[in-house]
Amino acid sequence: MLALLLASVTAPALQAHDHLEAGVLSPTPGAPLAFLNAADYGGEYGFAFNLEAGDPGSPYEGYFHMNDLVFAAQPATPDYGGPEPGAAGLGTQVAAQLLRVQGPAGAHLGFWETVQDDVDSTNLTWMVPIPLTSGTNLIQVTQSPSSPTSDPYGHLHGRIYSVDQPGFYVTTWRFVDLSTNGPGGGPVQAPSAPFDLYFQADLTIARIQKTPAGADIVFAAPSNIPDSGIGPATNYTLEASPLLGTTAQWSAVGQVVVGDDHVHTNSVTLGTTGTYFRLRAD
């Protein structure tokens, strides 16, 4: 048993690098940018990024962090391995803008910019409080200098994302074009539609929602498979008890979930008395 989280239904009631590709869905001049592989990594599809506790004495002590999330932009020219389908127009300067964050009140979401590709950052660049409702912070994705003929390509490893409290976080982003290479000195491409990314820090239950028959218990299930690919995925078991303390009798409820870096819902039937839940990771 790695960790436990207790929650009462009577109370108010996520290893390899993952590349999030920015580009366009239409070659029409001025078309909006798009999250091209949202079906793989978008929160609306249930994917959750896993943040691990920083080691004592490391730059990440006191944070839950990861470097798996890589914002990238499709190349448009042979100089960067293109042209790739969905590449934005020449002169586009793609950036990811953080719009909103929901999560544990009083927590903070941080971004650590790297000074060299493929070298993990050790310097916290900016941090925002949670909840955040009108964010303006930007992460530059395009790596070439801005000019009317510059390639929008970007693919930078070593950036770190962090939070300072365990819990489940819903972050909302959009891709924007920071260039002035479009008509009238404006951007080449319009902003993308907002999209959600889910972050899971430590082992927690994200939400308990009462239903007519009982409750829906929602939690993220990181696979926790190392980059080497060696080792089985973590199994998650939801347990319930009517009592806490030394006399508690915990029993498994719902199905065992095999970690797959996605959000899961276990629906359970409840009696008339209060019930406590805990999540076990094996």
Protein backbone atom coordinates (compact mmCIF):
# COMPACT_ATOMS: atom_id res chain seq x y z
CA MET A 1 0.00 0.00 0.00
CA LEU A 2 1.60 3.22 -1.17
CA ALA A 3 -0.91 5.75 0.07
CA LEU A 4 -4.44 6.18 1.32
CA LEU A 5 -7.01 8.89 0.89
CA LEU A 6 -10.10 9.05 3.09
CA ALA A 7 -13.25 10.88 2.10
CA SER A 8 -16.78 10.79 3.50
CA VAL A 9 -19.76 10.78 1.16
CA THR A 10 -21.63 12.81 3.78
CA ALA A 11 -19.13 15.68 3.37
CA PRO A 12 -19.52 18.43 0.73
CA ALA A 13 -18.91 16.91 -1.99
CA LEU A 14 -1.47 10.39 -14.14
CA GLN A 15 6.02 7.94 -18.31
CA ALA A 16 7.13 8.60 -21.66
CA HIS A 17 7.19 12.14 -23.04
CA ASP A 18 3.78 13.13 -24.33
CA HIS A 19 3.87 15.53 -27.27
CA LEU A 20 0.91 17.88 -27.64
CA GLU A 21 0.94 18.98 -31.28
CA ALA A 22 -0.12 22.46 -32.34
CA GLY A 23 -1.05 23.16 -35.95
CA VAL A 24 -4.05 23.92 -38.14
CA LEU A 25 -6.95 21.84 -39.41
CA SER A 26 -7.44 23.99 -42.51
CA PRO A 27 -4.97 25.56 -44.96
CA THR A 28 -7.22 28.60 -45.25
CA PRO A 29 -5.21 31.76 -44.50
CA GLY A 30 -5.91 32.98 -40.99
CA ALA A 31 -7.48 29.68 -39.89
CA PRO A 32 -7.41 29.05 -36.13
CA LEU A 33 -4.67 27.00 -34.54
CA ALA A 34 -5.69 23.58 -33.18
CA PHE A 35 -4.64 20.92 -30.69
CA LEU A 36 -4.04 18.24 -33.33
CA ASN A 37 -3.84 15.17 -31.07
CA ALA A 38 -6.38 16.20 -28.46
CA ALA A 39 -7.98 12.76 -28.70
CA ASP A 40 -4.80 11.29 -27.17
CA TYR A 41 -4.05 13.80 -24.42
CA GLY A 42 -7.04 16.11 -23.95
CA GLY A 43 -8.76 16.14 -20.60
CA GLU A 44 -12.15 15.87 -22.28
CA TYR A 45 -10.99 12.41 -23.42
CA GLY A 46 -10.00 11.44 -19.89
CA PHE A 47 -6.19 11.56 -20.11
CA ALA A 48 -4.38 12.67 -16.94
CA PHE A 49 -0.72 13.67 -16.51
CA ASN A 50 0.93 12.25 -13.39
CA LEU A 51 2.99 14.55 -11.13
CA GLU A 52 5.41 12.87 -8.71
CA ALA A 53 6.70 14.15 -5.37
CA GLY A 54 10.12 15.83 -5.58
CA ASP A 55 13.05 14.17 -3.85
CA PRO A 56 14.34 15.74 -0.60
CA GLY A 57 17.25 18.08 -1.31
CA SER A 58 16.36 18.40 -5.00
CA PRO A 59 15.15 21.62 -6.69
CA TYR A 60 11.68 20.02 -6.69
CA GLU A 61 11.43 19.36 -2.96
CA GLY A 62 8.00 20.47 -1.78
CA TYR A 63 6.49 20.12 -5.24
CA PHE A 64 4.75 17.45 -7.27
CA HIS A 65 6.27 17.73 -10.74
CA MET A 66 6.78 16.16 -14.19
CA ASN A 67 8.60 16.78 -17.46
CA ASP A 68 6.44 14.49 -19.61
CA LEU A 69 4.27 17.22 -21.15
CA VAL A 70 5.90 18.64 -24.29
CA PHE A 71 4.11 21.36 -26.25
CA ALA A 72 5.18 21.01 -29.90
CA ALA A 73 4.36 22.63 -33.24
CA GLN A 74 4.39 20.87 -36.61
CA PRO A 75 7.24 21.83 -38.98
CA ALA A 76 6.38 23.56 -42.25
CA THR A 77 9.75 23.32 -44.08
CA PRO A 78 12.40 20.64 -44.84
CA ASP A 79 14.84 22.47 -42.53
CA TYR A 80 12.92 21.05 -39.55
CA GLY A 81 11.81 17.73 -41.05
CA GLY A 82 8.64 19.03 -42.72
CA PRO A 83 6.42 19.90 -44.23
CA GLU A 84 4.12 17.96 -41.93
CA PRO A 85 0.33 17.78 -42.37
CA GLY A 86 -1.35 20.43 -40.25
CA ALA A 87 1.66 22.74 -40.00
CA ALA A 88 0.75 26.36 -39.35
CA GLY A 89 1.64 29.03 -41.90
CA LEU A 90 5.14 30.44 -42.27
CA GLY A 91 5.75 33.31 -39.87
CA THR A 92 3.53 31.84 -37.13
CA GLN A 93 4.89 32.07 -33.59
CA VAL A 94 2.97 29.42 -31.66
CA ALA A 95 2.59 29.79 -27.89
CA ALA A 96 0.47 27.97 -25.28
CA GLN A 97 -1.56 30.30 -23.07
CA LEU A 98 -2.82 29.18 -19.65
CA LEU A 99 -6.38 30.44 -19.22
CA ARG A 100 -7.82 28.75 -16.13
CA VAL A 101 -6.91 26.29 -13.36
CA GLN A 102 -9.24 24.41 -11.02
CA GLY A 103 -7.88 22.36 -8.13
CA PRO A 104 -7.26 22.45 -4.38
CA ALA A 105 -7.90 25.97 -3.12
CA GLY A 106 -4.70 27.70 -2.06
CA ALA A 107 -2.47 25.53 -4.23
CA HIS A 108 -0.22 26.86 -7.00
CA LEU A 109 0.66 25.69 -10.50
CA GLY A 110 4.24 26.37 -11.62
CA PHE A 111 6.17 26.35 -14.90
CA TRP A 112 9.94 25.80 -15.12
CA GLU A 113 11.56 26.94 -18.38
CA THR A 114 14.61 25.04 -19.56
CA VAL A 115 17.76 26.82 -20.76
CA GLN A 116 18.79 23.92 -23.01
CA ASP A 117 16.79 21.36 -24.98
CA ASP A 118 16.54 17.98 -23.24
CA VAL A 119 17.94 19.33 -19.94
CA ASP A 120 15.42 19.47 -17.12
CA SER A 121 14.90 22.95 -15.72
CA THR A 122 15.80 23.69 -12.11
CA ASN A 123 14.49 27.27 -12.09
CA LEU A 124 10.86 28.08 -11.35
CA THR A 125 9.90 30.62 -14.04
CA TRP A 126 6.37 31.54 -12.97
CA MET A 127 3.67 30.33 -10.61
CA VAL A 128 -0.07 31.07 -10.49
CA PRO A 129 -2.54 30.71 -7.59
CA ILE A 130 -5.49 28.32 -7.69
CA PRO A 131 -8.25 28.87 -8.55
CA LEU A 132 -7.20 30.85 -11.63
CA THR A 133 -9.95 32.29 -13.81
CA SER A 134 -8.35 34.78 -16.24
CA GLY A 135 -4.81 33.63 -16.90
CA THR A 136 -2.39 35.38 -19.26
CA ASN A 137 0.83 33.35 -18.81
CA LEU A 138 2.43 32.11 -22.03
CA ILE A 139 4.79 29.28 -22.97
CA GLN A 140 6.65 29.84 -26.24
CA VAL A 141 6.42 26.80 -28.51
CA THR A 142 7.96 27.98 -31.81
CA GLN A 143 11.75 27.98 -31.57
CA SER A 144 12.73 30.03 -34.63
CA PRO A 145 13.01 33.86 -34.57
CA SER A 146 9.96 35.68 -35.85
CA SER A 147 10.04 36.64 -39.52
CA PRO A 148 7.51 36.30 -42.38
CA THR A 149 9.33 33.15 -43.58
CA SER A 150 10.13 31.54 -40.21
CA ASP A 151 9.09 27.95 -39.57
CA PRO A 152 6.47 27.54 -36.77
CA TYR A 153 8.25 24.37 -35.60
CA GLY A 154 8.89 23.83 -31.90
CA HIS A 155 9.77 20.73 -29.89
CA LEU A 156 11.53 21.53 -26.62
CA HIS A 157 12.22 18.95 -23.87
CA GLY A 158 13.16 19.73 -20.28
CA ARG A 159 10.33 21.99 -19.20
CA ILE A 160 8.85 21.17 -15.81
CA TYR A 161 5.27 21.57 -14.59
CA SER A 162 4.56 21.55 -10.86
CA VAL A 163 1.94 21.95 -8.14
CA ASP A 164 2.47 22.30 -4.41
CA GLN A 165 -0.47 20.29 -3.06
CA PRO A 166 -1.74 16.78 -3.79
CA GLY A 167 -4.97 16.61 -5.73
CA PHE A 168 -6.65 16.62 -9.10
CA TYR A 169 -6.21 19.69 -11.33
CA VAL A 170 -8.11 20.83 -14.40
CA THR A 171 -6.07 23.29 -16.48
CA THR A 172 -7.47 25.13 -19.50
CA TRP A 173 -5.21 26.30 -22.35
CA ARG A 174 -5.29 27.60 -25.89
CA PHE A 175 -2.70 27.97 -28.66
CA VAL A 176 -2.09 31.53 -29.86
CA ASP A 177 0.05 33.13 -32.57
CA LEU A 178 2.27 35.85 -31.11
CA SER A 179 3.58 37.02 -34.49
CA THR A 180 2.86 40.25 -36.34
CA ASN A 181 3.46 38.63 -39.73
CA GLY A 182 -0.18 38.40 -40.77
CA PRO A 183 -2.47 40.88 -42.55
CA GLY A 184 -2.22 44.40 -41.15
CA GLY A 185 0.58 43.44 -38.78
CA GLY A 186 -1.57 40.95 -36.94
CA PRO A 187 -1.06 37.22 -36.37
CA VAL A 188 -0.85 34.68 -39.18
CA GLN A 189 -3.24 32.25 -37.46
CA ALA A 190 -6.24 32.84 -35.19
CA PRO A 191 -6.23 31.42 -31.62
CA SER A 192 -7.31 27.84 -31.05
CA ALA A 193 -10.39 26.79 -29.14
CA PRO A 194 -9.72 26.32 -25.40
CA PHE A 195 -8.80 22.79 -24.31
CA ASP A 196 -8.39 21.07 -20.96
CA LEU A 197 -5.43 19.14 -19.59
CA TYR A 198 -5.80 17.08 -16.38
CA PHE A 199 -3.01 16.81 -13.80
CA GLN A 200 -2.95 14.27 -10.95
CA ALA A 201 -0.58 14.90 -8.01
CA ASP A 202 -0.03 12.00 -5.62
CA LEU A 203 -2.78 9.46 -4.86
CA THR A 204 -6.12 11.18 -4.35
CA ILE A 205 -9.82 10.84 -5.04
CA ALA A 206 -10.82 13.60 -7.43
CA ARG A 207 -14.54 13.72 -6.69
CA ILE A 208 -17.33 11.93 -4.80
CA GLN A 209 -20.75 12.56 -6.28
CA LYS A 210 -23.95 11.18 -4.78
CA THR A 211 -26.32 9.29 -7.08
CA PRO A 212 -29.85 7.93 -6.44
CA ALA A 213 -28.37 4.47 -5.76
CA GLY A 214 -25.14 5.48 -4.04
CA ALA A 215 -22.13 7.41 -5.25
CA ASP A 216 -19.76 7.85 -8.18
CA ILE A 217 -16.12 7.87 -7.06
CA VAL A 218 -13.86 9.58 -9.59
CA PHE A 219 -10.06 9.23 -9.60
CA ALA A 220 -7.11 9.32 -11.99
CA ALA A 221 -5.15 6.09 -12.45
CA PRO A 222 -1.53 6.79 -13.50
CA SER A 223 0.15 3.76 -15.03
CA ASN A 224 3.43 4.50 -13.18
CA ILE A 225 5.39 2.43 -15.69
CA PRO A 226 9.01 3.71 -15.83
CA ASP A 227 10.50 5.12 -19.02
CA SER A 228 12.27 1.78 -19.45
CA GLY A 229 8.88 0.16 -19.99
CA ILE A 230 9.83 -2.57 -17.52
CA GLY A 231 7.31 -3.46 -14.85
CA PRO A 232 3.53 -3.84 -14.60
CA ALA A 233 1.14 -0.93 -14.36
CA THR A 234 -0.16 0.08 -10.93
CA ASN A 235 -3.47 -1.45 -9.81
CA TYR A 236 -6.00 0.77 -8.01
CA THR A 237 -8.56 -0.60 -5.58
CA LEU A 238 -11.37 1.45 -4.08
CA GLU A 239 -12.29 0.39 -0.55
CA ALA A 240 -15.20 1.38 1.71
CA SER A 241 -15.94 1.27 5.45
CA PRO A 242 -18.77 2.62 7.62
CA LEU A 243 -16.23 3.47 10.35
CA LEU A 244 -12.77 4.95 10.77
CA GLY A 245 -10.10 3.98 13.24
CA THR A 246 -8.79 0.67 14.52
CA THR A 247 -12.21 -1.00 14.27
CA ALA A 248 -12.72 -0.06 10.62
CA GLN A 249 -13.44 -2.96 8.31
CA TRP A 250 -12.37 -2.03 4.82
CA SER A 251 -13.75 -3.96 1.86
CA ALA A 252 -13.14 -3.59 -1.86
CA VAL A 253 -15.96 -2.00 -3.87
CA GLY A 254 -16.34 -1.65 -7.61
CA GLN A 255 -13.73 -2.97 -10.02
CA VAL A 256 -9.95 -2.97 -9.71
CA VAL A 257 -8.59 -0.40 -12.16
CA VAL A 258 -5.32 -1.02 -14.00
CA GLY A 259 -3.39 2.25 -14.32
CA ASP A 260 -3.66 3.66 -17.82
CA ASP A 261 -3.12 7.42 -17.26
CA HIS A 262 -6.84 8.10 -17.52
CA VAL A 263 -9.67 9.17 -15.23
CA HIS A 264 -12.04 6.45 -14.02
CA THR A 265 -15.40 6.37 -12.27
CA ASN A 266 -16.37 3.60 -9.85
CA SER A 267 -20.12 3.55 -9.18
CA VAL A 268 -21.01 2.03 -5.81
CA THR A 269 -24.25 1.26 -3.99
CA LEU A 270 -24.66 2.71 -0.51
CA GLY A 271 -26.85 1.96 2.48
CA THR A 272 -28.54 4.53 4.69
CA THR A 273 -25.48 5.23 6.87
CA GLY A 274 -22.44 7.30 6.00
CA THR A 275 -19.59 5.59 4.18
CA TYR A 276 -15.89 6.39 4.01
CA PHE A 277 -13.73 5.60 0.99
CA ARG A 278 -10.04 5.12 0.48
CA LEU A 279 -8.01 4.45 -2.64
CA ARG A 280 -5.23 1.88 -2.56
CA ALA A 281 -2.41 1.61 -5.09
CA ASP A 282 -0.57 -1.70 -5.42
